[in-house]
């Protein structure tokens, strides 16, 4: 018996969703991405944007986001070397997703946490 399109599409959609969640899951990745939606930033600027993150954790998360082609790291030949982070086109493609997460978060706070 042939599988219908729903049976074929569901596992594919679940794998794609899992892939996306693997890239953005965790406490710090979305805040880092949001910080970079406002433009290129140096490490210290991102660290100041996200008050509770340790420099070690920020470094680890930036490396993971860079490995997944969400963040681009650019080194400048200055003394000392300047490092700048920015979103790649793939990272920037999450802007509408981030906006939806924000909207849902506002709705959630109103419904569950209270105004």
PDB file of N, CA and C in Angstrom:
ATOM      1  N   UNK A   1       0.840  -1.184   0.000  1.00  0.00           N
ATOM      2  CA  UNK A   1       0.000   0.000   0.000  1.00  0.00           C
ATOM      3  C   UNK A   1       0.884   1.247   0.000  1.00  0.00           C
ATOM      4  N   UNK A   2       0.587   2.199  -0.832  1.00  0.00           N
ATOM      5  CA  UNK A   2       1.374   3.428  -0.937  1.00  0.00           C
ATOM      6  C   UNK A   2       1.069   4.343   0.243  1.00  0.00           C
ATOM      7  N   UNK A   3       2.119   5.034   0.707  1.00  0.00           N
ATOM      8  CA  UNK A   3       1.940   6.004   1.789  1.00  0.00           C
ATOM      9  C   UNK A   3       1.304   7.260   1.221  1.00  0.00           C
ATOM     10  N   UNK A   4       0.396   7.843   2.000  1.00  0.00           N
ATOM     11  CA  UNK A   4      -0.170   9.106   1.529  1.00  0.00           C
ATOM     12  C   UNK A   4       0.806  10.239   1.840  1.00  0.00           C
ATOM     13  N   UNK A   5       0.553  11.385   1.275  1.00  0.00           N
ATOM     14  CA  UNK A   5       1.477  12.523   1.383  1.00  0.00           C
ATOM     15  C   UNK A   5       1.670  12.969   2.831  1.00  0.00           C
ATOM     16  N   UNK A   6       0.651  12.842   3.668  1.00  0.00           N
ATOM     17  CA  UNK A   6       0.769  13.249   5.068  1.00  0.00           C
ATOM     18  C   UNK A   6       1.754  12.338   5.797  1.00  0.00           C
ATOM     19  N   UNK A   7       1.694  11.048   5.540  1.00  0.00           N
ATOM     20  CA  UNK A   7       2.609  10.108   6.189  1.00  0.00           C
ATOM     21  C   UNK A   7       4.053  10.370   5.800  1.00  0.00           C
ATOM     22  N   UNK A   8       4.287  10.789   4.567  1.00  0.00           N
ATOM     23  CA  UNK A   8       5.639  11.087   4.092  1.00  0.00           C
ATOM     24  C   UNK A   8       6.099  12.440   4.606  1.00  0.00           C
ATOM     25  N   UNK A   9       5.211  13.424   4.593  1.00  0.00           N
ATOM     26  CA  UNK A   9       5.579  14.790   4.969  1.00  0.00           C
ATOM     27  C   UNK A   9       5.845  14.929   6.465  1.00  0.00           C
ATOM     28  N   UNK A  10       5.104  14.225   7.294  1.00  0.00           N
ATOM     29  CA  UNK A  10       5.237  14.396   8.738  1.00  0.00           C
ATOM     30  C   UNK A  10       6.655  14.100   9.236  1.00  0.00           C
ATOM     31  N   UNK A  11       7.256  12.939   8.913  1.00  0.00           N
ATOM     32  CA  UNK A  11       8.628  12.699   9.391  1.00  0.00           C
ATOM     33  C   UNK A  11       9.623  13.737   8.862  1.00  0.00           C
ATOM     34  N   UNK A  12       9.438  14.166   7.617  1.00  0.00           N
ATOM     35  CA  UNK A  12      10.329  15.185   7.042  1.00  0.00           C
ATOM     36  C   UNK A  12      10.193  16.502   7.810  1.00  0.00           C
ATOM     37  N   UNK A  13       8.962  16.890   8.108  1.00  0.00           N
ATOM     38  CA  UNK A  13       8.717  18.133   8.838  1.00  0.00           C
ATOM     39  C   UNK A  13       9.248  18.040  10.266  1.00  0.00           C
ATOM     40  N   UNK A  14       9.109  16.876  10.882  1.00  0.00           N
ATOM     41  CA  UNK A  14       9.632  16.698  12.230  1.00  0.00           C
ATOM     42  C   UNK A  14      11.158  16.781  12.244  1.00  0.00           C
ATOM     43  N   UNK A  15      11.813  16.199  11.245  1.00  0.00           N
ATOM     44  CA  UNK A  15      13.278  16.288  11.171  1.00  0.00           C
ATOM     45  C   UNK A  15      13.721  17.733  10.965  1.00  0.00           C
ATOM     46  N   UNK A  16      13.026  18.440  10.094  1.00  0.00           N
ATOM     47  CA  UNK A  16      13.371  19.845   9.846  1.00  0.00           C
ATOM     48  C   UNK A  16      13.177  20.685  11.108  1.00  0.00           C
ATOM     49  N   UNK A  17      12.111  20.421  11.841  1.00  0.00           N
ATOM     50  CA  UNK A  17      11.862  21.132  13.094  1.00  0.00           C
ATOM     51  C   UNK A  17      12.951  20.823  14.116  1.00  0.00           C
ATOM     52  N   UNK A  18      13.347  19.562  14.202  1.00  0.00           N
ATOM     53  CA  UNK A  18      14.421  19.159  15.129  1.00  0.00           C
ATOM     54  C   UNK A  18      15.734  19.851  14.756  1.00  0.00           C
ATOM     55  N   UNK A  19      16.027  19.930  13.459  1.00  0.00           N
ATOM     56  CA  UNK A  19      17.236  20.626  13.010  1.00  0.00           C
ATOM     57  C   UNK A  19      17.221  22.080  13.471  1.00  0.00           C
ATOM     58  N   UNK A  20      16.084  22.746  13.276  1.00  0.00           N
ATOM     59  CA  UNK A  20      15.966  24.155  13.679  1.00  0.00           C
ATOM     60  C   UNK A  20      16.136  24.297  15.186  1.00  0.00           C
ATOM     61  N   UNK A  21      15.505  23.430  15.939  1.00  0.00           N
ATOM     62  CA  UNK A  21      15.603  23.503  17.393  1.00  0.00           C
ATOM     63  C   UNK A  21      17.027  23.237  17.872  1.00  0.00           C
ATOM     64  N   UNK A  22      17.741  22.338  17.222  1.00  0.00           N
ATOM     65  CA  UNK A  22      19.132  22.070  17.592  1.00  0.00           C
ATOM     66  C   UNK A  22      19.995  23.322  17.453  1.00  0.00           C
ATOM     67  N   UNK A  23      19.682  24.156  16.469  1.00  0.00           N
ATOM     68  CA  UNK A  23      20.479  25.364  16.228  1.00  0.00           C
ATOM     69  C   UNK A  23      20.147  26.472  17.218  1.00  0.00           C
ATOM     70  N   UNK A  24      18.872  26.640  17.576  1.00  0.00           N
ATOM     71  CA  UNK A  24      18.482  27.799  18.385  1.00  0.00           C
ATOM     72  C   UNK A  24      18.159  27.479  19.837  1.00  0.00           C
ATOM     73  N   UNK A  25      18.182  26.208  20.214  1.00  0.00           N
ATOM     74  CA  UNK A  25      17.792  25.866  21.585  1.00  0.00           C
ATOM     75  C   UNK A  25      18.819  26.349  22.599  1.00  0.00           C
ATOM     76  N   UNK A  26      18.376  26.436  23.806  1.00  0.00           N
ATOM     77  CA  UNK A  26      19.246  26.868  24.891  1.00  0.00           C
ATOM     78  C   UNK A  26      18.867  28.255  25.366  1.00  0.00           C
ATOM     79  N   UNK A  27      19.433  28.604  26.467  1.00  0.00           N
ATOM     80  CA  UNK A  27      19.103  29.863  27.137  1.00  0.00           C
ATOM     81  C   UNK A  27      19.654  31.089  26.411  1.00  0.00           C
ATOM     82  N   UNK A  28      20.770  30.939  25.696  1.00  0.00           N
ATOM     83  CA  UNK A  28      21.501  32.114  25.221  1.00  0.00           C
ATOM     84  C   UNK A  28      21.450  32.364  23.726  1.00  0.00           C
ATOM     85  N   UNK A  29      21.184  31.369  22.912  1.00  0.00           N
ATOM     86  CA  UNK A  29      21.322  31.554  21.466  1.00  0.00           C
ATOM     87  C   UNK A  29      20.354  32.573  20.889  1.00  0.00           C
ATOM     88  N   UNK A  30      19.094  32.507  21.262  1.00  0.00           N
ATOM     89  CA  UNK A  30      18.145  33.487  20.732  1.00  0.00           C
ATOM     90  C   UNK A  30      18.491  34.898  21.207  1.00  0.00           C
ATOM     91  N   UNK A  31      18.818  35.110  22.482  1.00  0.00           N
ATOM     92  CA  UNK A  31      19.242  36.467  22.863  1.00  0.00           C
ATOM     93  C   UNK A  31      20.474  36.965  22.093  1.00  0.00           C
ATOM     94  N   UNK A  32      21.419  36.080  21.791  1.00  0.00           N
ATOM     95  CA  UNK A  32      22.593  36.483  21.000  1.00  0.00           C
ATOM     96  C   UNK A  32      22.156  36.887  19.603  1.00  0.00           C
ATOM     97  N   UNK A  33      21.302  36.081  18.998  1.00  0.00           N
ATOM     98  CA  UNK A  33      20.816  36.391  17.646  1.00  0.00           C
ATOM     99  C   UNK A  33      20.057  37.699  17.647  1.00  0.00           C
ATOM    100  N   UNK A  34      19.201  37.903  18.650  1.00  0.00           N
ATOM    101  CA  UNK A  34      18.448  39.159  18.743  1.00  0.00           C
ATOM    102  C   UNK A  34      19.402  40.343  18.891  1.00  0.00           C
ATOM    103  N   UNK A  35      20.431  40.203  19.705  1.00  0.00           N
ATOM    104  CA  UNK A  35      21.411  41.270  19.857  1.00  0.00           C
ATOM    105  C   UNK A  35      22.020  41.644  18.508  1.00  0.00           C
ATOM    106  N   UNK A  36      22.304  40.643  17.702  1.00  0.00           N
ATOM    107  CA  UNK A  36      22.946  40.894  16.405  1.00  0.00           C
ATOM    108  C   UNK A  36      21.973  41.356  15.327  1.00  0.00           C
ATOM    109  N   UNK A  37      20.660  41.283  15.592  1.00  0.00           N
ATOM    110  CA  UNK A  37      19.713  41.816  14.598  1.00  0.00           C
ATOM    111  C   UNK A  37      19.825  43.334  14.506  1.00  0.00           C
ATOM    112  N   UNK A  38      20.437  43.945  15.513  1.00  0.00           N
ATOM    113  CA  UNK A  38      20.605  45.400  15.508  1.00  0.00           C
ATOM    114  C   UNK A  38      21.891  45.839  14.821  1.00  0.00           C
ATOM    115  N   UNK A  39      22.632  44.888  14.248  1.00  0.00           N
ATOM    116  CA  UNK A  39      23.842  45.223  13.507  1.00  0.00           C
ATOM    117  C   UNK A  39      25.074  44.520  14.052  1.00  0.00           C
ATOM    118  N   UNK A  40      26.184  44.769  13.384  1.00  0.00           N
ATOM    119  CA  UNK A  40      27.464  44.169  13.762  1.00  0.00           C
ATOM    120  C   UNK A  40      27.865  44.633  15.152  1.00  0.00           C
ATOM    121  N   UNK A  41      28.435  43.701  15.915  1.00  0.00           N
ATOM    122  CA  UNK A  41      28.857  44.051  17.264  1.00  0.00           C
ATOM    123  C   UNK A  41      30.135  43.323  17.633  1.00  0.00           C
ATOM    124  N   UNK A  42      30.873  43.947  18.517  1.00  0.00           N
ATOM    125  CA  UNK A  42      32.048  43.300  19.094  1.00  0.00           C
ATOM    126  C   UNK A  42      31.612  42.454  20.281  1.00  0.00           C
ATOM    127  N   UNK A  43      32.489  41.574  20.700  1.00  0.00           N
ATOM    128  CA  UNK A  43      32.197  40.629  21.776  1.00  0.00           C
ATOM    129  C   UNK A  43      31.670  41.353  23.021  1.00  0.00           C
ATOM    130  N   UNK A  44      32.363  42.392  23.440  1.00  0.00           N
ATOM    131  CA  UNK A  44      31.972  43.116  24.650  1.00  0.00           C
ATOM    132  C   UNK A  44      30.599  43.761  24.534  1.00  0.00           C
ATOM    133  N   UNK A  45      30.236  44.201  23.334  1.00  0.00           N
ATOM    134  CA  UNK A  45      28.916  44.811  23.136  1.00  0.00           C
ATOM    135  C   UNK A  45      27.811  43.765  23.300  1.00  0.00           C
ATOM    136  N   UNK A  46      28.039  42.581  22.747  1.00  0.00           N
ATOM    137  CA  UNK A  46      27.062  41.502  22.907  1.00  0.00           C
ATOM    138  C   UNK A  46      26.970  41.118  24.377  1.00  0.00           C
ATOM    139  N   UNK A  47      28.115  41.029  25.032  1.00  0.00           N
ATOM    140  CA  UNK A  47      28.165  40.667  26.447  1.00  0.00           C
ATOM    141  C   UNK A  47      27.394  41.675  27.302  1.00  0.00           C
ATOM    142  N   UNK A  48      27.472  42.952  26.956  1.00  0.00           N
ATOM    143  CA  UNK A  48      26.726  43.982  27.699  1.00  0.00           C
ATOM    144  C   UNK A  48      25.220  43.884  27.414  1.00  0.00           C
ATOM    145  N   UNK A  49      24.863  43.518  26.187  1.00  0.00           N
ATOM    146  CA  UNK A  49      23.442  43.377  25.839  1.00  0.00           C
ATOM    147  C   UNK A  49      22.766  42.281  26.648  1.00  0.00           C
ATOM    148  N   UNK A  50      23.507  41.207  26.916  1.00  0.00           N
ATOM    149  CA  UNK A  50      22.944  40.030  27.588  1.00  0.00           C
ATOM    150  C   UNK A  50      23.565  39.976  28.983  1.00  0.00           C
ATOM    151  N   UNK A  51      22.910  40.589  29.927  1.00  0.00           N
ATOM    152  CA  UNK A  51      23.488  40.854  31.244  1.00  0.00           C
ATOM    153  C   UNK A  51      24.009  39.631  31.988  1.00  0.00           C
ATOM    154  N   UNK A  52      23.309  38.510  31.950  1.00  0.00           N
ATOM    155  CA  UNK A  52      23.670  37.375  32.800  1.00  0.00           C
ATOM    156  C   UNK A  52      24.623  36.370  32.164  1.00  0.00           C
ATOM    157  N   UNK A  53      24.999  36.542  30.928  1.00  0.00           N
ATOM    158  CA  UNK A  53      25.837  35.546  30.263  1.00  0.00           C
ATOM    159  C   UNK A  53      27.303  35.763  30.630  1.00  0.00           C
ATOM    160  N   UNK A  54      28.001  34.674  30.896  1.00  0.00           N
ATOM    161  CA  UNK A  54      29.433  34.776  31.200  1.00  0.00           C
ATOM    162  C   UNK A  54      30.205  34.874  29.889  1.00  0.00           C
ATOM    163  N   UNK A  55      31.382  35.490  29.911  1.00  0.00           N
ATOM    164  CA  UNK A  55      32.194  35.547  28.689  1.00  0.00           C
ATOM    165  C   UNK A  55      32.494  34.165  28.108  1.00  0.00           C
ATOM    166  N   UNK A  56      32.734  33.192  28.966  1.00  0.00           N
ATOM    167  CA  UNK A  56      33.019  31.836  28.482  1.00  0.00           C
ATOM    168  C   UNK A  56      31.814  31.257  27.742  1.00  0.00           C
ATOM    169  N   UNK A  57      30.631  31.404  28.313  1.00  0.00           N
ATOM    170  CA  UNK A  57      29.413  30.888  27.679  1.00  0.00           C
ATOM    171  C   UNK A  57      29.125  31.629  26.383  1.00  0.00           C
ATOM    172  N   UNK A  58      29.312  32.949  26.377  1.00  0.00           N
ATOM    173  CA  UNK A  58      29.104  33.724  25.158  1.00  0.00           C
ATOM    174  C   UNK A  58      30.038  33.244  24.063  1.00  0.00           C
ATOM    175  N   UNK A  59      31.283  33.013  24.396  1.00  0.00           N
ATOM    176  CA  UNK A  59      32.252  32.519  23.428  1.00  0.00           C
ATOM    177  C   UNK A  59      31.826  31.163  22.862  1.00  0.00           C
ATOM    178  N   UNK A  60      31.401  30.252  23.726  1.00  0.00           N
ATOM    179  CA  UNK A  60      30.962  28.926  23.285  1.00  0.00           C
ATOM    180  C   UNK A  60      29.750  29.017  22.365  1.00  0.00           C
ATOM    181  N   UNK A  61      28.793  29.838  22.744  1.00  0.00           N
ATOM    182  CA  UNK A  61      27.575  29.953  21.950  1.00  0.00           C
ATOM    183  C   UNK A  61      27.834  30.634  20.609  1.00  0.00           C
ATOM    184  N   UNK A  62      28.694  31.649  20.599  1.00  0.00           N
ATOM    185  CA  UNK A  62      29.049  32.289  19.329  1.00  0.00           C
ATOM    186  C   UNK A  62      29.725  31.288  18.393  1.00  0.00           C
ATOM    187  N   UNK A  63      30.613  30.448  18.939  1.00  0.00           N
ATOM    188  CA  UNK A  63      31.260  29.423  18.115  1.00  0.00           C
ATOM    189  C   UNK A  63      30.241  28.455  17.538  1.00  0.00           C
ATOM    190  N   UNK A  64      29.273  28.037  18.345  1.00  0.00           N
ATOM    191  CA  UNK A  64      28.236  27.117  17.867  1.00  0.00           C
ATOM    192  C   UNK A  64      27.384  27.774  16.785  1.00  0.00           C
ATOM    193  N   UNK A  65      27.021  29.033  16.988  1.00  0.00           N
ATOM    194  CA  UNK A  65      26.231  29.744  15.982  1.00  0.00           C
ATOM    195  C   UNK A  65      27.030  29.973  14.707  1.00  0.00           C
ATOM    196  N   UNK A  66      28.320  30.208  14.843  1.00  0.00           N
ATOM    197  CA  UNK A  66      29.185  30.352  13.671  1.00  0.00           C
ATOM    198  C   UNK A  66      29.289  29.024  12.919  1.00  0.00           C
ATOM    199  N   UNK A  67      29.434  27.936  13.650  1.00  0.00           N
ATOM    200  CA  UNK A  67      29.527  26.612  13.039  1.00  0.00           C
ATOM    201  C   UNK A  67      28.252  26.284  12.249  1.00  0.00           C
ATOM    202  N   UNK A  68      27.113  26.757  12.738  1.00  0.00           N
ATOM    203  CA  UNK A  68      25.833  26.512  12.070  1.00  0.00           C
ATOM    204  C   UNK A  68      25.474  27.586  11.047  1.00  0.00           C
ATOM    205  N   UNK A  69      26.422  28.459  10.739  1.00  0.00           N
ATOM    206  CA  UNK A  69      26.282  29.483   9.700  1.00  0.00           C
ATOM    207  C   UNK A  69      25.183  30.509   9.994  1.00  0.00           C
ATOM    208  N   UNK A  70      24.958  30.754  11.289  1.00  0.00           N
ATOM    209  CA  UNK A  70      23.999  31.776  11.714  1.00  0.00           C
ATOM    210  C   UNK A  70      24.727  33.093  11.968  1.00  0.00           C
ATOM    211  N   UNK A  71      25.947  32.993  12.481  1.00  0.00           N
ATOM    212  CA  UNK A  71      26.763  34.160  12.827  1.00  0.00           C
ATOM    213  C   UNK A  71      28.065  34.108  12.042  1.00  0.00           C
ATOM    214  N   UNK A  72      28.501  35.289  11.612  1.00  0.00           N
ATOM    215  CA  UNK A  72      29.796  35.420  10.927  1.00  0.00           C
ATOM    216  C   UNK A  72      30.744  36.178  11.845  1.00  0.00           C
ATOM    217  N   UNK A  73      31.950  35.669  11.971  1.00  0.00           N
ATOM    218  CA  UNK A  73      32.994  36.323  12.770  1.00  0.00           C
ATOM    219  C   UNK A  73      34.000  36.919  11.804  1.00  0.00           C
ATOM    220  N   UNK A  74      34.277  38.197  11.970  1.00  0.00           N
ATOM    221  CA  UNK A  74      35.238  38.893  11.117  1.00  0.00           C
ATOM    222  C   UNK A  74      36.366  39.431  11.981  1.00  0.00           C
ATOM    223  N   UNK A  75      37.597  39.129  11.584  1.00  0.00           N
ATOM    224  CA  UNK A  75      38.784  39.627  12.282  1.00  0.00           C
ATOM    225  C   UNK A  75      39.374  40.781  11.487  1.00  0.00           C
ATOM    226  N   UNK A  76      39.749  41.832  12.181  1.00  0.00           N
ATOM    227  CA  UNK A  76      40.385  42.989  11.556  1.00  0.00           C
ATOM    228  C   UNK A  76      41.826  43.076  12.030  1.00  0.00           C
ATOM    229  N   UNK A  77      42.719  43.380  11.110  1.00  0.00           N
ATOM    230  CA  UNK A  77      44.150  43.441  11.397  1.00  0.00           C
ATOM    231  C   UNK A  77      44.490  44.768  12.068  1.00  0.00           C
ATOM    232  N   UNK A  78      44.097  44.867  13.326  1.00  0.00           N
ATOM    233  CA  UNK A  78      44.400  46.054  14.126  1.00  0.00           C
ATOM    234  C   UNK A  78      45.236  45.605  15.311  1.00  0.00           C
ATOM    235  N   UNK A  79      45.701  46.542  16.074  1.00  0.00           N
ATOM    236  CA  UNK A  79      46.475  46.208  17.259  1.00  0.00           C
ATOM    237  C   UNK A  79      45.751  46.720  18.478  1.00  0.00           C
ATOM    238  N   UNK A  80      45.171  45.938  19.360  1.00  0.00           N
ATOM    239  CA  UNK A  80      45.029  44.483  19.240  1.00  0.00           C
ATOM    240  C   UNK A  80      44.001  44.121  18.161  1.00  0.00           C
ATOM    241  N   UNK A  81      43.958  42.849  17.808  1.00  0.00           N
ATOM    242  CA  UNK A  81      43.050  42.377  16.766  1.00  0.00           C
ATOM    243  C   UNK A  81      41.611  42.674  17.182  1.00  0.00           C
ATOM    244  N   UNK A  82      40.831  43.201  16.258  1.00  0.00           N
ATOM    245  CA  UNK A  82      39.431  43.490  16.495  1.00  0.00           C
ATOM    246  C   UNK A  82      38.591  42.357  15.912  1.00  0.00           C
ATOM    247  N   UNK A  83      37.654  41.855  16.688  1.00  0.00           N
ATOM    248  CA  UNK A  83      36.744  40.812  16.232  1.00  0.00           C
ATOM    249  C   UNK A  83      35.336  41.373  16.247  1.00  0.00           C
ATOM    250  N   UNK A  84      34.640  41.160  15.150  1.00  0.00           N
ATOM    251  CA  UNK A  84      33.284  41.667  15.021  1.00  0.00           C
ATOM    252  C   UNK A  84      32.367  40.515  14.617  1.00  0.00           C
ATOM    253  N   UNK A  85      31.159  40.510  15.158  1.00  0.00           N
ATOM    254  CA  UNK A  85      30.181  39.466  14.866  1.00  0.00           C
ATOM    255  C   UNK A  85      28.976  40.080  14.167  1.00  0.00           C
ATOM    256  N   UNK A  86      28.424  39.331  13.229  1.00  0.00           N
ATOM    257  CA  UNK A  86      27.228  39.772  12.519  1.00  0.00           C
ATOM    258  C   UNK A  86      26.417  38.544  12.130  1.00  0.00           C
ATOM    259  N   UNK A  87      25.158  38.781  11.788  1.00  0.00           N
ATOM    260  CA  UNK A  87      24.333  37.685  11.311  1.00  0.00           C
ATOM    261  C   UNK A  87      24.644  37.419   9.844  1.00  0.00           C
ATOM    262  N   UNK A  88      24.639  36.172   9.479  1.00  0.00           N
ATOM    263  CA  UNK A  88      24.759  35.788   8.076  1.00  0.00           C
ATOM    264  C   UNK A  88      23.383  35.980   7.439  1.00  0.00           C
ATOM    265  N   UNK A  89      23.281  35.858   6.131  1.00  0.00           N
ATOM    266  CA  UNK A  89      21.945  35.886   5.523  1.00  0.00           C
ATOM    267  C   UNK A  89      21.024  34.801   6.099  1.00  0.00           C
ATOM    268  N   UNK A  90      21.573  33.627   6.395  1.00  0.00           N
ATOM    269  CA  UNK A  90      20.771  32.566   7.011  1.00  0.00           C
ATOM    270  C   UNK A  90      20.287  33.007   8.396  1.00  0.00           C
ATOM    271  N   UNK A  91      21.165  33.636   9.171  1.00  0.00           N
ATOM    272  CA  UNK A  91      20.774  34.142  10.486  1.00  0.00           C
ATOM    273  C   UNK A  91      19.714  35.225  10.383  1.00  0.00           C
ATOM    274  N   UNK A  92      19.889  36.118   9.429  1.00  0.00           N
ATOM    275  CA  UNK A  92      18.916  37.196   9.230  1.00  0.00           C
ATOM    276  C   UNK A  92      17.563  36.668   8.773  1.00  0.00           C
ATOM    277  N   UNK A  93      17.562  35.494   8.143  1.00  0.00           N
ATOM    278  CA  UNK A  93      16.293  34.925   7.682  1.00  0.00           C
ATOM    279  C   UNK A  93      15.394  34.523   8.849  1.00  0.00           C
ATOM    280  N   UNK A  94      15.906  34.553  10.069  1.00  0.00           N
ATOM    281  CA  UNK A  94      15.104  34.217  11.256  1.00  0.00           C
ATOM    282  C   UNK A  94      14.352  35.413  11.816  1.00  0.00           C
ATOM    283  N   UNK A  95      14.484  36.581  11.214  1.00  0.00           N
ATOM    284  CA  UNK A  95      13.855  37.782  11.771  1.00  0.00           C
ATOM    285  C   UNK A  95      12.359  37.625  11.978  1.00  0.00           C
ATOM    286  N   UNK A  96      11.643  37.067  11.007  1.00  0.00           N
ATOM    287  CA  UNK A  96      10.191  36.914  11.170  1.00  0.00           C
ATOM    288  C   UNK A  96       9.875  35.881  12.256  1.00  0.00           C
ATOM    289  N   UNK A  97      10.692  34.845  12.366  1.00  0.00           N
ATOM    290  CA  UNK A  97      10.526  33.852  13.429  1.00  0.00           C
ATOM    291  C   UNK A  97      10.703  34.512  14.796  1.00  0.00           C
ATOM    292  N   UNK A  98      11.731  35.332  14.937  1.00  0.00           N
ATOM    293  CA  UNK A  98      11.986  36.010  16.205  1.00  0.00           C
ATOM    294  C   UNK A  98      10.845  36.958  16.567  1.00  0.00           C
ATOM    295  N   UNK A  99      10.301  37.610  15.559  1.00  0.00           N
ATOM    296  CA  UNK A  99       9.153  38.508  15.778  1.00  0.00           C
ATOM    297  C   UNK A  99       7.949  37.711  16.278  1.00  0.00           C
ATOM    298  N   UNK A 100       7.725  36.537  15.703  1.00  0.00           N
ATOM    299  CA  UNK A 100       6.621  35.679  16.144  1.00  0.00           C
ATOM    300  C   UNK A 100       6.845  35.177  17.572  1.00  0.00           C
ATOM    301  N   UNK A 101       8.082  34.816  17.900  1.00  0.00           N
ATOM    302  CA  UNK A 101       8.392  34.382  19.266  1.00  0.00           C
ATOM    303  C   UNK A 101       8.116  35.523  20.246  1.00  0.00           C
ATOM    304  N   UNK A 102       8.498  36.737  19.885  1.00  0.00           N
ATOM    305  CA  UNK A 102       8.231  37.904  20.720  1.00  0.00           C
ATOM    306  C   UNK A 102       6.727  38.093  20.917  1.00  0.00           C
ATOM    307  N   UNK A 103       5.976  38.042  19.826  1.00  0.00           N
ATOM    308  CA  UNK A 103       4.525  38.228  19.921  1.00  0.00           C
ATOM    309  C   UNK A 103       3.882  37.155  20.787  1.00  0.00           C
ATOM    310  N   UNK A 104       4.319  35.902  20.622  1.00  0.00           N
ATOM    311  CA  UNK A 104       3.769  34.827  21.431  1.00  0.00           C
ATOM    312  C   UNK A 104       4.172  35.017  22.898  1.00  0.00           C
ATOM    313  N   UNK A 105       5.393  35.452  23.134  1.00  0.00           N
ATOM    314  CA  UNK A 105       5.851  35.703  24.501  1.00  0.00           C
ATOM    315  C   UNK A 105       5.014  36.756  25.199  1.00  0.00           C
ATOM    316  N   UNK A 106       4.649  37.803  24.479  1.00  0.00           N
ATOM    317  CA  UNK A 106       3.777  38.842  25.045  1.00  0.00           C
ATOM    318  C   UNK A 106       2.416  38.247  25.364  1.00  0.00           C
ATOM    319  N   UNK A 107       1.877  37.474  24.431  1.00  0.00           N
ATOM    320  CA  UNK A 107       0.584  36.816  24.643  1.00  0.00           C
ATOM    321  C   UNK A 107       0.651  35.876  25.852  1.00  0.00           C
ATOM    322  N   UNK A 108       1.706  35.083  25.938  1.00  0.00           N
ATOM    323  CA  UNK A 108       1.896  34.151  27.050  1.00  0.00           C
ATOM    324  C   UNK A 108       1.925  34.887  28.385  1.00  0.00           C
ATOM    325  N   UNK A 109       2.721  35.957  28.447  1.00  0.00           N
ATOM    326  CA  UNK A 109       2.811  36.720  29.700  1.00  0.00           C
ATOM    327  C   UNK A 109       1.448  37.271  30.104  1.00  0.00           C
ATOM    328  N   UNK A 110       0.680  37.759  29.131  1.00  0.00           N
ATOM    329  CA  UNK A 110      -0.630  38.292  29.437  1.00  0.00           C
ATOM    330  C   UNK A 110      -1.576  37.211  29.940  1.00  0.00           C
ATOM    331  N   UNK A 111      -1.516  36.027  29.347  1.00  0.00           N
ATOM    332  CA  UNK A 111      -2.427  34.933  29.702  1.00  0.00           C
ATOM    333  C   UNK A 111      -2.033  34.224  30.988  1.00  0.00           C
ATOM    334  N   UNK A 112      -0.749  33.970  31.165  1.00  0.00           N
ATOM    335  CA  UNK A 112      -0.302  33.101  32.256  1.00  0.00           C
ATOM    336  C   UNK A 112       0.296  33.886  33.415  1.00  0.00           C
ATOM    337  N   UNK A 113       1.188  34.803  33.103  1.00  0.00           N
ATOM    338  CA  UNK A 113       1.915  35.518  34.139  1.00  0.00           C
ATOM    339  C   UNK A 113       1.086  36.687  34.663  1.00  0.00           C
ATOM    340  N   UNK A 114       0.316  37.272  33.820  1.00  0.00           N
ATOM    341  CA  UNK A 114      -0.468  38.448  34.202  1.00  0.00           C
ATOM    342  C   UNK A 114       0.166  39.703  33.684  1.00  0.00           C
ATOM    343  N   UNK A 115      -0.609  40.725  33.609  1.00  0.00           N
ATOM    344  CA  UNK A 115      -0.133  41.983  33.026  1.00  0.00           C
ATOM    345  C   UNK A 115       0.685  42.686  33.995  1.00  0.00           C
TER     346      UNK A 115
END
